[in-house]
PDB file of all heavy atoms in Angstrom:
ATOM      1  N   PHE A   1       6.547   4.515  -2.807  1.00  0.00           N
ATOM      2  CA  PHE A   1       6.851   3.169  -3.119  1.00  0.00           C
ATOM      3  C   PHE A   1       8.154   3.103  -3.908  1.00  0.00           C
ATOM      4  O   PHE A   1       8.606   4.211  -4.344  1.00  0.00           O
ATOM      5  CB  PHE A   1       5.699   2.507  -3.894  1.00  0.00           C
ATOM      6  CG  PHE A   1       5.508   2.994  -5.298  1.00  0.00           C
ATOM      7  CD1 PHE A   1       5.980   2.329  -6.392  1.00  0.00           C
ATOM      8  CD2 PHE A   1       4.764   4.186  -5.518  1.00  0.00           C
ATOM      9  CE1 PHE A   1       5.751   2.832  -7.692  1.00  0.00           C
ATOM     10  CE2 PHE A   1       4.546   4.664  -6.792  1.00  0.00           C
ATOM     11  CZ  PHE A   1       5.027   3.933  -7.896  1.00  0.00           C
ATOM     12  N   PHE A   2       8.778   1.980  -4.022  1.00  0.00           N
ATOM     13  CA  PHE A   2      10.142   1.904  -4.513  1.00  0.00           C
ATOM     14  C   PHE A   2      10.355   0.857  -5.656  1.00  0.00           C
ATOM     15  O   PHE A   2      10.541  -0.318  -5.343  1.00  0.00           O
ATOM     16  CB  PHE A   2      11.059   1.593  -3.313  1.00  0.00           C
ATOM     17  CG  PHE A   2      10.883   2.481  -2.180  1.00  0.00           C
ATOM     18  CD1 PHE A   2      10.004   2.254  -1.131  1.00  0.00           C
ATOM     19  CD2 PHE A   2      11.673   3.676  -2.120  1.00  0.00           C
ATOM     20  CE1 PHE A   2       9.832   3.183  -0.073  1.00  0.00           C
ATOM     21  CE2 PHE A   2      11.513   4.609  -1.051  1.00  0.00           C
ATOM     22  CZ  PHE A   2      10.615   4.283  -0.054  1.00  0.00           C
ATOM     23  N   PRO A   3      10.196   1.358  -6.904  1.00  0.00           N
ATOM     24  CA  PRO A   3      10.475   0.491  -8.006  1.00  0.00           C
ATOM     25  C   PRO A   3      12.003   0.107  -8.031  1.00  0.00           C
ATOM     26  O   PRO A   3      12.809   0.955  -7.516  1.00  0.00           O
ATOM     27  CB  PRO A   3      10.156   1.348  -9.207  1.00  0.00           C
ATOM     28  CG  PRO A   3       9.222   2.417  -8.667  1.00  0.00           C
ATOM     29  CD  PRO A   3       9.666   2.665  -7.296  1.00  0.00           C
ATOM     30  N   PRO A   4      12.371  -1.016  -8.489  1.00  0.00           N
ATOM     31  CA  PRO A   4      11.534  -2.074  -9.082  1.00  0.00           C
ATOM     32  C   PRO A   4      11.004  -3.108  -8.018  1.00  0.00           C
ATOM     33  O   PRO A   4      10.379  -4.077  -8.361  1.00  0.00           O
ATOM     34  CB  PRO A   4      12.462  -2.790 -10.017  1.00  0.00           C
ATOM     35  CG  PRO A   4      13.810  -2.673  -9.348  1.00  0.00           C
ATOM     36  CD  PRO A   4      13.831  -1.374  -8.667  1.00  0.00           C
ATOM     37  N   VAL A   5      11.303  -2.863  -6.730  1.00  0.00           N
ATOM     38  CA  VAL A   5      10.856  -3.781  -5.670  1.00  0.00           C
ATOM     39  C   VAL A   5       9.320  -3.689  -5.547  1.00  0.00           C
ATOM     40  O   VAL A   5       8.639  -4.691  -5.322  1.00  0.00           O
ATOM     41  CB  VAL A   5      11.543  -3.395  -4.353  1.00  0.00           C
ATOM     42  CG1 VAL A   5      11.018  -4.334  -3.227  1.00  0.00           C
ATOM     43  CG2 VAL A   5      13.042  -3.521  -4.472  1.00  0.00           C
ATOM     44  N   GLN A   6       8.770  -2.494  -5.754  1.00  0.00           N
ATOM     45  CA  GLN A   6       7.307  -2.294  -5.611  1.00  0.00           C
ATOM     46  C   GLN A   6       6.775  -1.728  -6.914  1.00  0.00           C
ATOM     47  O   GLN A   6       7.567  -1.060  -7.716  1.00  0.00           O
ATOM     48  CB  GLN A   6       6.967  -1.417  -4.486  1.00  0.00           C
ATOM     49  CG  GLN A   6       7.257  -2.012  -3.068  1.00  0.00           C
ATOM     50  CD  GLN A   6       6.957  -0.906  -2.019  1.00  0.00           C
ATOM     51  OE1 GLN A   6       7.546   0.106  -1.972  1.00  0.00           O
ATOM     52  NE2 GLN A   6       5.960  -1.243  -1.123  1.00  0.00           N
ATOM     53  N   SER A   7       5.541  -1.915  -7.169  1.00  0.00           N
ATOM     54  CA  SER A   7       4.867  -1.251  -8.321  1.00  0.00           C
ATOM     55  C   SER A   7       3.466  -0.765  -7.981  1.00  0.00           C
ATOM     56  O   SER A   7       2.929  -1.257  -6.875  1.00  0.00           O
ATOM     57  CB  SER A   7       4.758  -2.260  -9.515  1.00  0.00           C
ATOM     58  OG  SER A   7       3.744  -3.129  -9.264  1.00  0.00           O
ATOM     59  N   PRO A   8       2.794   0.032  -8.709  1.00  0.00           N
ATOM     60  CA  PRO A   8       1.418   0.471  -8.348  1.00  0.00           C
ATOM     61  C   PRO A   8       0.466  -0.705  -8.290  1.00  0.00           C
ATOM     62  O   PRO A   8      -0.556  -0.596  -7.520  1.00  0.00           O
ATOM     63  CB  PRO A   8       1.068   1.370  -9.548  1.00  0.00           C
ATOM     64  CG  PRO A   8       2.358   1.908 -10.018  1.00  0.00           C
ATOM     65  CD  PRO A   8       3.375   0.807  -9.848  1.00  0.00           C
ATOM     66  N   ASP A   9       0.714  -1.799  -8.974  1.00  0.00           N
ATOM     67  CA  ASP A   9      -0.113  -2.955  -8.868  1.00  0.00           C
ATOM     68  C   ASP A   9      -0.188  -3.596  -7.434  1.00  0.00           C
ATOM     69  O   ASP A   9      -1.086  -4.304  -7.119  1.00  0.00           O
ATOM     70  CB  ASP A   9       0.288  -4.025  -9.837  1.00  0.00           C
ATOM     71  CG  ASP A   9       0.095  -3.594 -11.315  1.00  0.00           C
ATOM     72  OD1 ASP A   9      -0.715  -2.711 -11.482  1.00  0.00           O
ATOM     73  OD2 ASP A   9       0.792  -4.105 -12.164  1.00  0.00           O
ATOM     74  N   ASP A  10       0.831  -3.239  -6.617  1.00  0.00           N
ATOM     75  CA  ASP A  10       0.807  -3.790  -5.283  1.00  0.00           C
ATOM     76  C   ASP A  10      -0.204  -3.149  -4.333  1.00  0.00           C
ATOM     77  O   ASP A  10      -0.517  -3.627  -3.284  1.00  0.00           O
ATOM     78  CB  ASP A  10       2.204  -3.610  -4.643  1.00  0.00           C
ATOM     79  CG  ASP A  10       3.266  -4.396  -5.314  1.00  0.00           C
ATOM     80  OD1 ASP A  10       2.966  -5.486  -5.837  1.00  0.00           O
ATOM     81  OD2 ASP A  10       4.450  -3.947  -5.417  1.00  0.00           O
ATOM     82  N   PHE A  11      -0.790  -2.020  -4.836  1.00  0.00           N
ATOM     83  CA  PHE A  11      -1.630  -1.230  -3.964  1.00  0.00           C
ATOM     84  C   PHE A  11      -3.110  -1.554  -4.293  1.00  0.00           C
ATOM     85  O   PHE A  11      -3.860  -0.724  -4.802  1.00  0.00           O
ATOM     86  CB  PHE A  11      -1.439   0.296  -4.095  1.00  0.00           C
ATOM     87  CG  PHE A  11      -0.046   0.703  -3.535  1.00  0.00           C
ATOM     88  CD1 PHE A  11       1.122   0.476  -4.235  1.00  0.00           C
ATOM     89  CD2 PHE A  11       0.033   1.209  -2.256  1.00  0.00           C
ATOM     90  CE1 PHE A  11       2.371   0.831  -3.692  1.00  0.00           C
ATOM     91  CE2 PHE A  11       1.264   1.571  -1.767  1.00  0.00           C
ATOM     92  CZ  PHE A  11       2.427   1.413  -2.437  1.00  0.00           C
ATOM     93  N   ASP A  12      -3.550  -2.765  -3.913  1.00  0.00           N
ATOM     94  CA  ASP A  12      -4.931  -3.182  -4.184  1.00  0.00           C
ATOM     95  C   ASP A  12      -5.705  -2.656  -3.026  1.00  0.00           C
ATOM     96  O   ASP A  12      -5.270  -1.984  -2.081  1.00  0.00           O
ATOM     97  CB  ASP A  12      -5.048  -4.652  -4.278  1.00  0.00           C
ATOM     98  CG  ASP A  12      -4.474  -5.439  -3.130  1.00  0.00           C
ATOM     99  OD1 ASP A  12      -4.377  -4.856  -2.046  1.00  0.00           O
ATOM    100  OD2 ASP A  12      -4.117  -6.630  -3.230  1.00  0.00           O
ATOM    101  N   ALA A  13      -7.032  -2.866  -3.080  1.00  0.00           N
ATOM    102  CA  ALA A  13      -8.027  -2.263  -2.063  1.00  0.00           C
ATOM    103  C   ALA A  13      -7.653  -2.737  -0.665  1.00  0.00           C
ATOM    104  O   ALA A  13      -7.677  -1.865   0.296  1.00  0.00           O
ATOM    105  CB  ALA A  13      -9.421  -2.668  -2.389  1.00  0.00           C
ATOM    106  N   ALA A  14      -7.350  -3.937  -0.425  1.00  0.00           N
ATOM    107  CA  ALA A  14      -6.997  -4.462   0.914  1.00  0.00           C
ATOM    108  C   ALA A  14      -5.740  -3.847   1.446  1.00  0.00           C
ATOM    109  O   ALA A  14      -5.624  -3.425   2.622  1.00  0.00           O
ATOM    110  CB  ALA A  14      -6.872  -5.954   0.821  1.00  0.00           C
ATOM    111  N   THR A  15      -4.700  -3.752   0.568  1.00  0.00           N
ATOM    112  CA  THR A  15      -3.439  -3.087   0.916  1.00  0.00           C
ATOM    113  C   THR A  15      -3.652  -1.666   1.322  1.00  0.00           C
ATOM    114  O   THR A  15      -3.134  -1.172   2.335  1.00  0.00           O
ATOM    115  CB  THR A  15      -2.430  -3.252  -0.150  1.00  0.00           C
ATOM    116  OG1 THR A  15      -2.218  -4.625  -0.391  1.00  0.00           O
ATOM    117  CG2 THR A  15      -1.024  -2.615   0.265  1.00  0.00           C
ATOM    118  N   VAL A  16      -4.384  -0.924   0.520  1.00  0.00           N
ATOM    119  CA  VAL A  16      -4.627   0.517   0.770  1.00  0.00           C
ATOM    120  C   VAL A  16      -5.379   0.636   2.130  1.00  0.00           C
ATOM    121  O   VAL A  16      -4.985   1.529   2.919  1.00  0.00           O
ATOM    122  CB  VAL A  16      -5.471   1.153  -0.355  1.00  0.00           C
ATOM    123  CG1 VAL A  16      -6.002   2.435   0.062  1.00  0.00           C
ATOM    124  CG2 VAL A  16      -4.610   1.219  -1.613  1.00  0.00           C
ATOM    125  N   LYS A  17      -6.302  -0.158   2.447  1.00  0.00           N
ATOM    126  CA  LYS A  17      -7.080  -0.038   3.704  1.00  0.00           C
ATOM    127  C   LYS A  17      -6.105  -0.378   4.812  1.00  0.00           C
ATOM    128  O   LYS A  17      -6.103   0.388   5.935  1.00  0.00           O
ATOM    129  CB  LYS A  17      -8.230  -0.973   3.782  1.00  0.00           C
ATOM    130  CG  LYS A  17      -9.069  -0.855   4.995  1.00  0.00           C
ATOM    131  CD  LYS A  17     -10.236  -1.840   5.017  1.00  0.00           C
ATOM    132  CE  LYS A  17     -11.060  -1.649   6.318  1.00  0.00           C
ATOM    133  NZ  LYS A  17     -10.273  -1.640   7.561  1.00  0.00           N
ATOM    134  N   THR A  18      -5.229  -1.370   4.666  1.00  0.00           N
ATOM    135  CA  THR A  18      -4.279  -1.652   5.751  1.00  0.00           C
ATOM    136  C   THR A  18      -3.330  -0.491   6.039  1.00  0.00           C
ATOM    137  O   THR A  18      -3.047  -0.172   7.169  1.00  0.00           O
ATOM    138  CB  THR A  18      -3.479  -2.964   5.410  1.00  0.00           C
ATOM    139  OG1 THR A  18      -4.346  -4.027   5.266  1.00  0.00           O
ATOM    140  CG2 THR A  18      -2.452  -3.274   6.437  1.00  0.00           C
ATOM    141  N   LEU A  19      -2.854   0.102   4.942  1.00  0.00           N
ATOM    142  CA  LEU A  19      -1.958   1.271   5.027  1.00  0.00           C
ATOM    143  C   LEU A  19      -2.590   2.414   5.722  1.00  0.00           C
ATOM    144  O   LEU A  19      -2.026   3.105   6.610  1.00  0.00           O
ATOM    145  CB  LEU A  19      -1.433   1.705   3.683  1.00  0.00           C
ATOM    146  CG  LEU A  19      -0.449   0.787   2.984  1.00  0.00           C
ATOM    147  CD1 LEU A  19      -0.213   1.239   1.521  1.00  0.00           C
ATOM    148  CD2 LEU A  19       0.893   0.822   3.741  1.00  0.00           C
ATOM    149  N   LEU A  20      -3.894   2.735   5.385  1.00  0.00           N
ATOM    150  CA  LEU A  20      -4.548   3.817   5.987  1.00  0.00           C
ATOM    151  C   LEU A  20      -4.888   3.536   7.472  1.00  0.00           C
ATOM    152  O   LEU A  20      -4.681   4.459   8.369  1.00  0.00           O
ATOM    153  CB  LEU A  20      -5.841   4.179   5.220  1.00  0.00           C
ATOM    154  CG  LEU A  20      -5.670   4.713   3.830  1.00  0.00           C
ATOM    155  CD1 LEU A  20      -7.065   4.879   3.150  1.00  0.00           C
ATOM    156  CD2 LEU A  20      -4.951   6.029   3.814  1.00  0.00           C
ATOM    157  N   ASP A  21      -5.227   2.356   7.743  1.00  0.00           N
ATOM    158  CA  ASP A  21      -5.445   1.980   9.175  1.00  0.00           C
ATOM    159  C   ASP A  21      -4.193   2.142   9.990  1.00  0.00           C
ATOM    160  O   ASP A  21      -4.202   2.712  11.101  1.00  0.00           O
ATOM    161  CB  ASP A  21      -5.931   0.534   9.308  1.00  0.00           C
ATOM    162  CG  ASP A  21      -7.337   0.344   8.811  1.00  0.00           C
ATOM    163  OD1 ASP A  21      -8.037   1.319   8.557  1.00  0.00           O
ATOM    164  OD2 ASP A  21      -7.753  -0.883   8.665  1.00  0.00           O
ATOM    165  N   ALA A  22      -3.057   1.752   9.400  1.00  0.00           N
ATOM    166  CA  ALA A  22      -1.818   1.899  10.112  1.00  0.00           C
ATOM    167  C   ALA A  22      -1.347   3.340  10.249  1.00  0.00           C
ATOM    168  O   ALA A  22      -0.805   3.781  11.270  1.00  0.00           O
ATOM    169  CB  ALA A  22      -0.707   1.133   9.309  1.00  0.00           C
ATOM    170  N   ALA A  23      -1.651   4.178   9.232  1.00  0.00           N
ATOM    171  CA  ALA A  23      -1.265   5.551   9.275  1.00  0.00           C
ATOM    172  C   ALA A  23      -2.144   6.327  10.322  1.00  0.00           C
ATOM    173  O   ALA A  23      -1.642   7.098  11.124  1.00  0.00           O
ATOM    174  CB  ALA A  23      -1.461   6.208   7.879  1.00  0.00           C
ATOM    175  N   ILE A  24      -3.448   6.029  10.369  1.00  0.00           N
ATOM    176  CA  ILE A  24      -4.287   6.722  11.287  1.00  0.00           C
ATOM    177  C   ILE A  24      -4.204   6.188  12.692  1.00  0.00           C
ATOM    178  O   ILE A  24      -4.447   6.927  13.701  1.00  0.00           O
ATOM    179  CB  ILE A  24      -5.791   6.660  10.777  1.00  0.00           C
ATOM    180  CG1 ILE A  24      -5.850   7.201   9.315  1.00  0.00           C
ATOM    181  CG2 ILE A  24      -6.742   7.382  11.654  1.00  0.00           C
ATOM    182  CD1 ILE A  24      -5.366   8.564   9.105  1.00  0.00           C
ATOM    183  N   GLY A  25      -3.913   4.893  12.762  1.00  0.00           N
ATOM    184  CA  GLY A  25      -3.816   4.264  14.114  1.00  0.00           C
ATOM    185  C   GLY A  25      -5.045   3.568  14.517  1.00  0.00           C
ATOM    186  O   GLY A  25      -5.166   3.018  15.603  1.00  0.00           O
TER     187      GLY A  25
END
């Protein structure tokens, strides 16, 4: 992730699931 554009707070449960789904396919 890329501060200051992004922060750890951006990675909520829904975002994490979306990222993992995209990574795994």
